[in-house]
Amino acid sequence: MKKSTYNIPLLLTAGRMILAPAVVPLCIFWFWPLSINWVHIALGIFFVLISLTDFLDGLLARWLSQETLVGRLLDPLADKCLIIAALIALQAVGAVGFMWVIVLVLREIFVMGMRYIAREQGVTIAVSWRGRLKTWLQMIFITYVLAAPGLIDSPALYDIGFYVLILLTVAASLYSAYRYYQAYIANVLSAHEF
């Protein structure tokens, strides 16, 4: 019997990749300007629920023995769609500075490009634990920016949390990009030296 191409983990990944870039920015654009505490908290909870599909699809794929090549390729792309869409929307409403967003988005494009070129050369650069840590730090940072205004009354306290999280996120993003670059050099460029 032919194994189905579609499964629950793959549908979760595809759903995150298709819906998140459309739904998340619209929610931020519509509701962020209201500056109502419970709205900020609801936005944070909403983003956490979408982010948890990243954990859930991988867990289900392993538990149900439904890991596929398509799933492995789409999962990091779905994460990038979610993160980039949320960061751009937060920058548009003035919640995150332009330069932070540029650094984080360009990092994603750089790594995606390297992995694509490597794949064209027949080499797969696997997602590392550093890449996963970077993704979770980005998700935590975005959740903080969405929800914290509804939970923290002190602007100074909010700013401390903001800068601690953004610096950790940027550091993890740049370091993991550097390690992906090392893997790219080792596996792709060195294999084509004459």
Protein backbone atom coordinates (compact mmCIF):
# COMPACT_ATOMS: atom_id res chain seq x y z
CA MET A 1 0.00 0.00 0.00
CA LYS A 2 1.37 3.41 -0.98
CA LYS A 3 2.28 5.63 1.96
CA SER A 4 0.33 8.90 1.97
CA THR A 5 2.28 12.01 1.01
CA TYR A 6 0.16 14.05 3.39
CA ASN A 7 0.31 13.58 7.13
CA ILE A 8 -0.49 15.58 10.25
CA PRO A 9 3.07 16.88 10.88
CA LEU A 10 3.40 17.99 7.25
CA LEU A 11 -0.01 19.69 7.34
CA LEU A 12 1.00 21.56 10.54
CA THR A 13 4.20 22.73 8.88
CA ALA A 14 2.44 23.76 5.67
CA GLY A 15 -0.27 25.53 7.67
CA ARG A 16 2.34 27.52 9.59
CA MET A 17 4.15 28.43 6.38
CA ILE A 18 1.00 29.56 4.55
CA LEU A 19 -1.15 31.10 7.28
CA ALA A 20 1.39 32.67 9.64
CA PRO A 21 2.82 35.25 7.21
CA ALA A 22 -0.69 36.42 6.37
CA VAL A 23 -2.46 36.18 9.73
CA VAL A 24 0.27 37.31 12.15
CA PRO A 25 1.08 40.65 10.45
CA LEU A 26 -2.59 41.49 9.99
CA CYS A 27 -3.29 40.84 13.69
CA ILE A 28 -0.32 43.02 14.68
CA PHE A 29 -1.36 45.84 12.29
CA TRP A 30 -4.98 45.78 13.45
CA PHE A 31 -4.62 45.23 17.18
CA TRP A 32 -1.21 46.59 18.27
CA PRO A 33 -2.23 50.28 17.86
CA LEU A 34 -5.13 49.77 20.28
CA SER A 35 -2.60 49.70 23.18
CA ILE A 36 -4.94 47.68 25.40
CA ASN A 37 -3.31 45.38 27.96
CA TRP A 38 -5.45 42.31 27.29
CA VAL A 39 -4.99 42.74 23.53
CA HIS A 40 -1.19 42.65 23.93
CA ILE A 41 -1.47 39.53 26.08
CA ALA A 42 -3.82 37.90 23.53
CA LEU A 43 -1.38 38.71 20.69
CA GLY A 44 1.42 37.07 22.69
CA ILE A 45 -0.66 33.96 23.38
CA PHE A 46 -1.70 33.78 19.71
CA PHE A 47 1.93 33.94 18.59
CA VAL A 48 2.95 31.28 21.13
CA LEU A 49 0.24 28.92 19.85
CA ILE A 50 1.43 29.33 16.26
CA SER A 51 5.06 28.93 17.35
CA LEU A 52 4.26 25.71 19.21
CA THR A 53 3.34 24.06 15.91
CA ASP A 54 7.11 24.14 15.21
CA PHE A 55 7.68 21.88 18.21
CA LEU A 56 4.54 19.82 17.62
CA ASP A 57 5.12 18.95 13.95
CA GLY A 58 8.62 17.61 14.66
CA LEU A 59 7.47 15.70 17.72
CA LEU A 60 4.55 14.10 15.86
CA ALA A 61 6.71 13.27 12.84
CA ARG A 62 9.14 11.35 15.04
CA TRP A 63 6.45 9.78 17.25
CA LEU A 64 4.31 8.64 14.29
CA SER A 65 7.35 7.74 12.14
CA GLN A 66 6.17 10.22 9.51
CA GLU A 67 9.38 12.14 8.89
CA THR A 68 9.68 13.09 5.21
CA LEU A 69 12.17 14.95 3.04
CA VAL A 70 9.48 17.53 2.23
CA GLY A 71 8.84 18.04 5.95
CA ARG A 72 12.55 18.51 6.67
CA LEU A 73 12.79 21.10 3.90
CA LEU A 74 9.57 22.95 4.73
CA ASP A 75 9.98 23.12 8.52
CA PRO A 76 12.85 25.66 8.64
CA LEU A 77 11.23 27.60 5.78
CA ALA A 78 7.95 27.78 7.73
CA ASP A 79 9.84 29.06 10.78
CA LYS A 80 11.51 31.75 8.68
CA CYS A 81 8.17 32.82 7.17
CA LEU A 82 6.67 33.19 10.64
CA ILE A 83 9.65 35.03 12.16
CA ILE A 84 10.25 37.38 9.23
CA ALA A 85 6.56 38.27 8.90
CA ALA A 86 6.25 39.01 12.62
CA LEU A 87 9.47 41.07 12.75
CA ILE A 88 8.51 43.18 9.74
CA ALA A 89 5.03 43.79 11.19
CA LEU A 90 6.51 44.78 14.57
CA GLN A 91 8.92 47.15 12.86
CA ALA A 92 6.03 48.65 10.88
CA VAL A 93 4.12 49.48 14.08
CA GLY A 94 7.25 50.87 15.74
CA ALA A 95 7.72 48.10 18.30
CA VAL A 96 11.16 46.96 17.05
CA GLY A 97 13.89 49.12 15.54
CA PHE A 98 14.65 48.94 11.83
CA MET A 99 18.30 47.90 12.25
CA TRP A 100 17.46 44.94 14.53
CA VAL A 101 14.96 43.66 11.97
CA ILE A 102 17.40 44.14 9.06
CA VAL A 103 20.13 42.15 10.85
CA LEU A 104 17.78 39.28 11.73
CA VAL A 105 16.08 39.14 8.32
CA LEU A 106 19.34 39.34 6.35
CA ARG A 107 20.74 36.53 8.49
CA GLU A 108 17.77 34.34 7.52
CA ILE A 109 18.22 35.13 3.81
CA PHE A 110 21.97 34.46 4.02
CA VAL A 111 21.55 31.04 5.63
CA MET A 112 18.66 30.11 3.35
CA GLY A 113 20.79 31.01 0.33
CA MET A 114 23.75 28.94 1.54
CA ARG A 115 21.57 25.93 2.22
CA TYR A 116 19.94 26.26 -1.21
CA ILE A 117 23.30 26.47 -3.01
CA ALA A 118 24.57 23.50 -1.00
CA ARG A 119 21.48 21.51 -1.95
CA GLU A 120 22.04 22.34 -5.62
CA GLN A 121 25.52 20.86 -5.21
CA GLY A 122 24.05 17.68 -3.73
CA VAL A 123 24.99 18.54 -0.13
CA THR A 124 22.49 18.88 2.71
CA ILE A 125 23.43 21.21 5.55
CA ALA A 126 21.33 19.89 8.41
CA VAL A 127 19.59 22.18 10.89
CA SER A 128 21.83 22.39 13.96
CA TRP A 129 20.92 22.80 17.63
CA ARG A 130 22.33 26.34 17.33
CA GLY A 131 19.82 27.07 14.58
CA ARG A 132 17.00 25.67 16.70
CA LEU A 133 18.15 27.75 19.70
CA LYS A 134 18.20 30.84 17.49
CA THR A 135 14.64 30.14 16.32
CA TRP A 136 13.35 29.68 19.85
CA LEU A 137 15.10 32.85 21.04
CA GLN A 138 13.50 34.75 18.16
CA MET A 139 10.10 33.36 19.09
CA ILE A 140 10.60 34.25 22.77
CA PHE A 141 11.70 37.77 21.81
CA ILE A 142 8.68 38.32 19.54
CA THR A 143 6.33 36.95 22.21
CA TYR A 144 7.88 39.33 24.75
CA VAL A 145 7.44 42.34 22.45
CA LEU A 146 3.82 41.38 21.78
CA ALA A 147 2.75 40.51 25.33
CA ALA A 148 5.01 42.46 27.72
CA PRO A 149 3.34 45.87 27.18
CA GLY A 150 0.20 44.32 28.64
CA LEU A 151 2.07 42.86 31.62
CA ILE A 152 4.83 45.34 32.51
CA ASP A 153 3.87 48.85 33.63
CA SER A 154 7.41 50.20 33.92
CA PRO A 155 8.95 51.37 30.61
CA ALA A 156 12.44 51.01 32.11
CA LEU A 157 11.76 47.40 33.12
CA TYR A 158 10.30 46.66 29.68
CA ASP A 159 13.39 48.14 28.02
CA ILE A 160 15.72 45.97 30.12
CA GLY A 161 13.87 42.82 29.06
CA PHE A 162 13.76 44.01 25.45
CA TYR A 163 17.49 44.68 25.17
CA VAL A 164 18.52 41.51 27.01
CA LEU A 165 16.38 39.40 24.67
CA ILE A 166 17.30 41.21 21.45
CA LEU A 167 21.02 41.01 22.21
CA LEU A 168 20.77 37.28 23.00
CA THR A 169 18.71 36.74 19.85
CA VAL A 170 21.09 38.66 17.58
CA ALA A 171 24.15 36.97 19.11
CA ALA A 172 22.63 33.49 18.65
CA SER A 173 21.51 34.40 15.11
CA LEU A 174 24.93 35.63 14.00
CA TYR A 175 26.82 32.80 15.69
CA SER A 176 24.60 30.11 14.17
CA ALA A 177 24.97 31.80 10.75
CA TYR A 178 28.74 31.66 11.18
CA ARG A 179 28.57 27.95 12.06
CA TYR A 180 26.37 27.28 9.01
CA TYR A 181 28.93 29.14 6.92
CA GLN A 182 31.69 26.91 8.34
CA ALA A 183 29.62 23.84 7.44
CA TYR A 184 29.06 25.26 3.96
CA ILE A 185 32.82 25.83 3.47
CA ALA A 186 33.65 22.35 4.77
CA ASN A 187 30.99 20.46 2.81
CA VAL A 188 30.49 22.44 -0.41
CA LEU A 189 33.48 24.62 -1.28
CA SER A 190 36.16 22.15 -0.16
CA ALA A 191 34.49 19.41 -2.23
CA HIS A 192 34.90 21.54 -5.40
CA GLU A 193 38.51 22.58 -5.01
CA PHE A 194 40.75 21.73 -7.93
